[in-house]
Amino acid sequence: MSHACGTVTGMETPANLPDLASAAQRLSDVVRDVHDSQLDDLTPCEGRTVSQLLAHLHGLTQAFRASADKELGPLTDTNPDQQGWPQASPGWREEVPRHAGRLATAWQRPEAWTGMTRAGGFDAPAEVMGVVALSEIVLHGWDLARATGQEFVPDDPSVAVLTSYVEGFDPSGTPGMFGPAVDVRWATDFDRVLARTGRDPGWQAPGPG
């Protein structure tokens, strides 16, 4: 089963603010191990290729860094999907990890979590937007890893934050953002997070032919 892969938004924010550094590092490790021969492979995001997902990550890591810095402008004011899903630009293997690291550093500043901010043309309290940023790099990190034969296992604190976050999602899904919740049994906590966002934790890349 594939699912829609737009930017995810939600309403509930855990009281304990997360550190995005671990998730950003895990994402960066996955990106660096993607092979050029895999760029046209499909991902768990319905109809999207590895190259398109890398381009999406390149944009969202910049947008959520700017959101943390309250640097409102072109990076934060545009829906990343309104122009469709372009292919990854040259240099993605270095650029996505670089921007992911900057994102994590920006959200480590206490002031990043205060006041209002914006990403994807959507205004929200900064403490909500920080959790959205975490969800984006974790969920799309998993998408990319699964599509390229890698593992993405987030740290326990991130899973705890996201577990609380996705509890507020509509189980029927949100068109253009994520599909209906997937029924999973004997699942890990992270499997349940994936399922709540319409992802099948057992998704496998299609075989040749």
C-alpha atoms as a PDB file:
ATOM      1  CA  MET A   1       0.000   0.000   0.000  1.00  0.00           C
ATOM      2  CA  SER A   2       1.240   3.479  -0.883  1.00  0.00           C
ATOM      3  CA  HIS A   3       0.120   6.724   0.658  1.00  0.00           C
ATOM      4  CA  ALA A   4      -0.024  10.410  -0.092  1.00  0.00           C
ATOM      5  CA  CYS A   5       3.125  12.243   0.943  1.00  0.00           C
ATOM      6  CA  GLY A   6       2.324  15.904   1.389  1.00  0.00           C
ATOM      7  CA  THR A   7       3.426  18.001   4.305  1.00  0.00           C
ATOM      8  CA  VAL A   8       1.802  16.696   7.481  1.00  0.00           C
ATOM      9  CA  THR A   9       0.126  19.044   9.934  1.00  0.00           C
ATOM     10  CA  GLY A  10      -1.534  18.385  13.272  1.00  0.00           C
ATOM     11  CA  MET A  11      -2.869  20.074  16.372  1.00  0.00           C
ATOM     12  CA  GLU A  12      -1.494  18.362  19.465  1.00  0.00           C
ATOM     13  CA  THR A  13       2.018  19.076  20.741  1.00  0.00           C
ATOM     14  CA  PRO A  14       3.713  17.119  23.542  1.00  0.00           C
ATOM     15  CA  ALA A  15       4.822  19.096  26.574  1.00  0.00           C
ATOM     16  CA  ASN A  16       8.454  17.949  26.234  1.00  0.00           C
ATOM     17  CA  LEU A  17      10.134  19.572  23.263  1.00  0.00           C
ATOM     18  CA  PRO A  18      12.201  17.192  21.128  1.00  0.00           C
ATOM     19  CA  ASP A  19      15.771  17.333  19.897  1.00  0.00           C
ATOM     20  CA  LEU A  20      15.811  16.840  16.138  1.00  0.00           C
ATOM     21  CA  ALA A  21      19.543  16.092  15.907  1.00  0.00           C
ATOM     22  CA  SER A  22      19.274  12.308  16.079  1.00  0.00           C
ATOM     23  CA  ALA A  23      16.542  12.099  13.457  1.00  0.00           C
ATOM     24  CA  ALA A  24      18.406  14.506  11.176  1.00  0.00           C
ATOM     25  CA  GLN A  25      21.562  12.413  11.460  1.00  0.00           C
ATOM     26  CA  ARG A  26      19.668   9.226  10.642  1.00  0.00           C
ATOM     27  CA  LEU A  27      18.111  10.895   7.613  1.00  0.00           C
ATOM     28  CA  SER A  28      21.513  12.135   6.463  1.00  0.00           C
ATOM     29  CA  ASP A  29      23.016   8.659   6.751  1.00  0.00           C
ATOM     30  CA  VAL A  30      20.235   7.218   4.597  1.00  0.00           C
ATOM     31  CA  VAL A  31      20.587   9.944   1.961  1.00  0.00           C
ATOM     32  CA  ARG A  32      24.332   9.390   1.636  1.00  0.00           C
ATOM     33  CA  ASP A  33      23.801   5.674   0.987  1.00  0.00           C
ATOM     34  CA  VAL A  34      21.293   6.123  -1.835  1.00  0.00           C
ATOM     35  CA  HIS A  35      22.766   4.896  -5.128  1.00  0.00           C
ATOM     36  CA  ASP A  36      22.307   6.788  -8.371  1.00  0.00           C
ATOM     37  CA  SER A  37      20.819   3.627  -9.866  1.00  0.00           C
ATOM     38  CA  GLN A  38      17.935   3.881  -7.362  1.00  0.00           C
ATOM     39  CA  LEU A  39      16.748   7.377  -8.288  1.00  0.00           C
ATOM     40  CA  ASP A  40      13.931   6.127 -10.522  1.00  0.00           C
ATOM     41  CA  ASP A  41      12.718   3.520  -8.018  1.00  0.00           C
ATOM     42  CA  LEU A  42       9.306   3.941  -6.422  1.00  0.00           C
ATOM     43  CA  THR A  43       8.855   4.942  -2.780  1.00  0.00           C
ATOM     44  CA  PRO A  44       6.034   4.358  -0.274  1.00  0.00           C
ATOM     45  CA  CYS A  45       4.762   7.802  -1.344  1.00  0.00           C
ATOM     46  CA  GLU A  46       2.189   6.973  -3.989  1.00  0.00           C
ATOM     47  CA  GLY A  47       3.547   7.511  -7.493  1.00  0.00           C
ATOM     48  CA  ARG A  48       6.715   9.234  -6.282  1.00  0.00           C
ATOM     49  CA  THR A  49      10.251   8.176  -7.068  1.00  0.00           C
ATOM     50  CA  VAL A  50      13.375   8.281  -4.945  1.00  0.00           C
ATOM     51  CA  SER A  51      14.578  11.293  -6.933  1.00  0.00           C
ATOM     52  CA  GLN A  52      11.332  13.172  -6.296  1.00  0.00           C
ATOM     53  CA  LEU A  53      11.426  12.354  -2.598  1.00  0.00           C
ATOM     54  CA  LEU A  54      15.002  13.633  -2.363  1.00  0.00           C
ATOM     55  CA  ALA A  55      13.909  16.896  -4.007  1.00  0.00           C
ATOM     56  CA  HIS A  56      11.051  17.150  -1.502  1.00  0.00           C
ATOM     57  CA  LEU A  57      13.478  16.610   1.378  1.00  0.00           C
ATOM     58  CA  HIS A  58      15.836  19.216  -0.047  1.00  0.00           C
ATOM     59  CA  GLY A  59      13.040  21.776   0.041  1.00  0.00           C
ATOM     60  CA  LEU A  60      11.456  20.905   3.359  1.00  0.00           C
ATOM     61  CA  THR A  61      14.736  20.837   5.296  1.00  0.00           C
ATOM     62  CA  GLN A  62      15.398  24.396   4.162  1.00  0.00           C
ATOM     63  CA  ALA A  63      11.837  25.502   4.895  1.00  0.00           C
ATOM     64  CA  PHE A  64      11.779  24.137   8.438  1.00  0.00           C
ATOM     65  CA  ARG A  65      15.208  25.601   9.200  1.00  0.00           C
ATOM     66  CA  ALA A  66      13.876  28.994   8.126  1.00  0.00           C
ATOM     67  CA  SER A  67      10.751  28.357  10.195  1.00  0.00           C
ATOM     68  CA  ALA A  68      12.850  27.794  13.322  1.00  0.00           C
ATOM     69  CA  ASP A  69      14.770  31.010  12.675  1.00  0.00           C
ATOM     70  CA  LYS A  70      11.503  32.940  12.022  1.00  0.00           C
ATOM     71  CA  GLU A  71      13.039  33.808   8.665  1.00  0.00           C
ATOM     72  CA  LEU A  72       9.682  34.239   6.962  1.00  0.00           C
ATOM     73  CA  GLY A  73       9.879  34.621   3.204  1.00  0.00           C
ATOM     74  CA  PRO A  74      10.115  32.513   0.051  1.00  0.00           C
ATOM     75  CA  LEU A  75      11.301  29.407   1.918  1.00  0.00           C
ATOM     76  CA  THR A  76       8.384  29.425   4.354  1.00  0.00           C
ATOM     77  CA  ASP A  77       5.582  30.984   2.313  1.00  0.00           C
ATOM     78  CA  THR A  78       5.246  28.407  -0.444  1.00  0.00           C
ATOM     79  CA  ASN A  79       3.563  25.026  -0.372  1.00  0.00           C
ATOM     80  CA  PRO A  80       6.420  22.699  -1.397  1.00  0.00           C
ATOM     81  CA  ASP A  81       4.069  20.571  -3.503  1.00  0.00           C
ATOM     82  CA  GLN A  82       2.264  23.301  -5.442  1.00  0.00           C
ATOM     83  CA  GLN A  83       4.667  22.984  -8.365  1.00  0.00           C
ATOM     84  CA  GLY A  84       4.417  19.204  -8.360  1.00  0.00           C
ATOM     85  CA  TRP A  85       7.277  16.931  -7.399  1.00  0.00           C
ATOM     86  CA  PRO A  86      10.421  17.803  -9.392  1.00  0.00           C
ATOM     87  CA  GLN A  87      13.452  15.576  -9.726  1.00  0.00           C
ATOM     88  CA  ALA A  88      16.418  15.901  -7.389  1.00  0.00           C
ATOM     89  CA  SER A  89      18.988  18.502  -8.365  1.00  0.00           C
ATOM     90  CA  PRO A  90      22.683  17.668  -8.746  1.00  0.00           C
ATOM     91  CA  GLY A  91      24.487  17.648  -5.419  1.00  0.00           C
ATOM     92  CA  TRP A  92      21.557  16.196  -3.441  1.00  0.00           C
ATOM     93  CA  ARG A  93      23.817  13.695  -1.650  1.00  0.00           C
ATOM     94  CA  GLU A  94      25.696  16.561   0.015  1.00  0.00           C
ATOM     95  CA  GLU A  95      22.983  19.220   0.110  1.00  0.00           C
ATOM     96  CA  VAL A  96      20.182  17.320   1.858  1.00  0.00           C
ATOM     97  CA  PRO A  97      22.400  16.256   4.803  1.00  0.00           C
ATOM     98  CA  ARG A  98      23.797  19.795   5.042  1.00  0.00           C
ATOM     99  CA  HIS A  99      20.337  21.321   5.258  1.00  0.00           C
ATOM    100  CA  ALA A 100      19.140  18.609   7.648  1.00  0.00           C
ATOM    101  CA  GLY A 101      22.008  19.459   9.982  1.00  0.00           C
ATOM    102  CA  ARG A 102      21.192  23.161   9.838  1.00  0.00           C
ATOM    103  CA  LEU A 103      17.543  22.379  10.570  1.00  0.00           C
ATOM    104  CA  ALA A 104      18.458  20.355  13.658  1.00  0.00           C
ATOM    105  CA  THR A 105      20.799  23.068  14.935  1.00  0.00           C
ATOM    106  CA  ALA A 106      18.160  25.758  14.450  1.00  0.00           C
ATOM    107  CA  TRP A 107      15.562  23.835  16.471  1.00  0.00           C
ATOM    108  CA  GLN A 108      18.024  23.325  19.334  1.00  0.00           C
ATOM    109  CA  ARG A 109      17.696  27.009  20.221  1.00  0.00           C
ATOM    110  CA  PRO A 110      14.987  27.542  22.886  1.00  0.00           C
ATOM    111  CA  GLU A 111      13.701  30.647  21.125  1.00  0.00           C
ATOM    112  CA  ALA A 112      12.916  28.554  18.051  1.00  0.00           C
ATOM    113  CA  TRP A 113      10.022  27.013  19.999  1.00  0.00           C
ATOM    114  CA  THR A 114       8.393  30.304  21.041  1.00  0.00           C
ATOM    115  CA  GLY A 115       5.856  32.522  19.299  1.00  0.00           C
ATOM    116  CA  MET A 116       4.336  31.923  15.894  1.00  0.00           C
ATOM    117  CA  THR A 117       6.076  30.819  12.725  1.00  0.00           C
ATOM    118  CA  ARG A 118       5.355  29.501   9.256  1.00  0.00           C
ATOM    119  CA  ALA A 119       6.210  26.654   6.879  1.00  0.00           C
ATOM    120  CA  GLY A 120       4.599  25.659   3.612  1.00  0.00           C
ATOM    121  CA  GLY A 121       2.437  28.767   3.755  1.00  0.00           C
ATOM    122  CA  PHE A 122       0.878  27.505   6.989  1.00  0.00           C
ATOM    123  CA  ASP A 123       1.074  29.576  10.188  1.00  0.00           C
ATOM    124  CA  ALA A 124       1.238  27.776  13.535  1.00  0.00           C
ATOM    125  CA  PRO A 125       2.734  28.071  17.007  1.00  0.00           C
ATOM    126  CA  ALA A 126       6.442  27.356  16.827  1.00  0.00           C
ATOM    127  CA  GLU A 127       6.129  24.501  19.327  1.00  0.00           C
ATOM    128  CA  VAL A 128       3.738  22.797  16.904  1.00  0.00           C
ATOM    129  CA  MET A 129       5.903  23.519  13.871  1.00  0.00           C
ATOM    130  CA  GLY A 130       8.943  21.968  15.524  1.00  0.00           C
ATOM    131  CA  VAL A 131       7.083  18.701  15.947  1.00  0.00           C
ATOM    132  CA  VAL A 132       5.879  18.900  12.345  1.00  0.00           C
ATOM    133  CA  ALA A 133       9.530  19.292  11.306  1.00  0.00           C
ATOM    134  CA  LEU A 134      10.444  16.202  13.316  1.00  0.00           C
ATOM    135  CA  SER A 135       7.622  14.230  11.726  1.00  0.00           C
ATOM    136  CA  GLU A 136       8.730  15.237   8.238  1.00  0.00           C
ATOM    137  CA  ILE A 137      12.325  14.102   8.597  1.00  0.00           C
ATOM    138  CA  VAL A 138      11.411  10.893  10.429  1.00  0.00           C
ATOM    139  CA  LEU A 139       8.553   9.802   8.175  1.00  0.00           C
ATOM    140  CA  HIS A 140      10.264  10.739   4.927  1.00  0.00           C
ATOM    141  CA  GLY A 141      13.501   9.293   6.251  1.00  0.00           C
ATOM    142  CA  TRP A 142      11.662   6.000   6.643  1.00  0.00           C
ATOM    143  CA  ASP A 143      10.106   6.363   3.173  1.00  0.00           C
ATOM    144  CA  LEU A 144      13.528   6.867   1.614  1.00  0.00           C
ATOM    145  CA  ALA A 145      15.154   4.084   3.583  1.00  0.00           C
ATOM    146  CA  ARG A 146      12.450   1.580   2.735  1.00  0.00           C
ATOM    147  CA  ALA A 147      12.598   2.484  -0.966  1.00  0.00           C
ATOM    148  CA  THR A 148      16.379   2.010  -1.108  1.00  0.00           C
ATOM    149  CA  GLY A 149      16.770  -1.158   0.962  1.00  0.00           C
ATOM    150  CA  GLN A 150      17.976   0.576   4.118  1.00  0.00           C
ATOM    151  CA  GLU A 151      16.772   0.782   7.698  1.00  0.00           C
ATOM    152  CA  PHE A 152      15.507   3.882   9.462  1.00  0.00           C
ATOM    153  CA  VAL A 153      15.044   3.350  13.192  1.00  0.00           C
ATOM    154  CA  PRO A 154      14.366   6.629  15.007  1.00  0.00           C
ATOM    155  CA  ASP A 155      15.472   7.261  18.574  1.00  0.00           C
ATOM    156  CA  ASP A 156      13.006   6.471  21.362  1.00  0.00           C
ATOM    157  CA  PRO A 157      12.390  10.113  22.393  1.00  0.00           C
ATOM    158  CA  SER A 158      11.422  11.003  18.824  1.00  0.00           C
ATOM    159  CA  VAL A 159       9.060   8.036  18.637  1.00  0.00           C
ATOM    160  CA  ALA A 160       7.441   9.098  21.910  1.00  0.00           C
ATOM    161  CA  VAL A 161       6.882  12.640  20.625  1.00  0.00           C
ATOM    162  CA  LEU A 162       5.449  11.405  17.339  1.00  0.00           C
ATOM    163  CA  THR A 163       3.220   8.867  19.073  1.00  0.00           C
ATOM    164  CA  SER A 164       1.563  11.700  20.960  1.00  0.00           C
ATOM    165  CA  TYR A 165       1.453  13.866  17.841  1.00  0.00           C
ATOM    166  CA  VAL A 166      -0.279  11.374  15.531  1.00  0.00           C
ATOM    167  CA  GLU A 167      -2.971  10.573  18.079  1.00  0.00           C
ATOM    168  CA  GLY A 168      -4.707  13.732  16.882  1.00  0.00           C
ATOM    169  CA  PHE A 169      -4.804  12.602  13.247  1.00  0.00           C
ATOM    170  CA  ASP A 170      -8.087  11.634  11.593  1.00  0.00           C
ATOM    171  CA  PRO A 171      -7.940   7.834  11.079  1.00  0.00           C
ATOM    172  CA  SER A 172      -9.671   8.281   7.720  1.00  0.00           C
ATOM    173  CA  GLY A 173      -6.699  10.297   6.464  1.00  0.00           C
ATOM    174  CA  THR A 174      -6.375  13.720   4.855  1.00  0.00           C
ATOM    175  CA  PRO A 175      -6.377  13.935   1.032  1.00  0.00           C
ATOM    176  CA  GLY A 176      -3.030  15.131  -0.311  1.00  0.00           C
ATOM    177  CA  MET A 177      -1.284  14.714   3.035  1.00  0.00           C
ATOM    178  CA  PHE A 178      -1.590  11.144   4.259  1.00  0.00           C
ATOM    179  CA  GLY A 179      -3.771   8.110   3.648  1.00  0.00           C
ATOM    180  CA  PRO A 180      -6.162   6.324   5.987  1.00  0.00           C
ATOM    181  CA  ALA A 181      -4.606   4.698   9.038  1.00  0.00           C
ATOM    182  CA  VAL A 182      -3.323   1.186   8.375  1.00  0.00           C
ATOM    183  CA  ASP A 183      -4.413  -1.641  10.662  1.00  0.00           C
ATOM    184  CA  VAL A 184      -1.335  -3.188  12.285  1.00  0.00           C
ATOM    185  CA  ARG A 185      -1.049  -5.892  14.927  1.00  0.00           C
ATOM    186  CA  TRP A 186       1.942  -6.981  16.992  1.00  0.00           C
ATOM    187  CA  ALA A 187       3.516  -3.670  16.009  1.00  0.00           C
ATOM    188  CA  THR A 188       6.310  -1.615  17.525  1.00  0.00           C
ATOM    189  CA  ASP A 189       5.569   1.914  18.692  1.00  0.00           C
ATOM    190  CA  PHE A 190       7.158   3.277  15.523  1.00  0.00           C
ATOM    191  CA  ASP A 191       5.101   0.883  13.384  1.00  0.00           C
ATOM    192  CA  ARG A 192       2.009   2.389  14.967  1.00  0.00           C
ATOM    193  CA  VAL A 193       3.203   5.898  14.122  1.00  0.00           C
ATOM    194  CA  LEU A 194       3.766   4.833  10.525  1.00  0.00           C
ATOM    195  CA  ALA A 195       0.369   3.166  10.354  1.00  0.00           C
ATOM    196  CA  ARG A 196      -1.408   6.188  11.782  1.00  0.00           C
ATOM    197  CA  THR A 197       0.013   8.293   8.945  1.00  0.00           C
ATOM    198  CA  GLY A 198      -1.237   5.833   6.323  1.00  0.00           C
ATOM    199  CA  ARG A 199       2.037   3.981   5.879  1.00  0.00           C
ATOM    200  CA  ASP A 200       2.282   0.204   5.752  1.00  0.00           C
ATOM    201  CA  PRO A 201       5.223  -0.738   8.023  1.00  0.00           C
ATOM    202  CA  GLY A 202       5.729  -3.843   5.884  1.00  0.00           C
ATOM    203  CA  TRP A 203       5.965  -1.949   2.588  1.00  0.00           C
ATOM    204  CA  GLN A 204       8.549  -3.351   0.183  1.00  0.00           C
ATOM    205  CA  ALA A 205       9.859  -1.866  -3.029  1.00  0.00           C
ATOM    206  CA  PRO A 206       8.287  -3.485  -6.111  1.00  0.00           C
ATOM    207  CA  GLY A 207      10.432  -6.165  -7.676  1.00  0.00           C
ATOM    208  CA  PRO A 208      11.654  -6.008 -11.283  1.00  0.00           C
ATOM    209  CA  GLY A 209       9.059  -6.745 -13.904  1.00  0.00           C
END
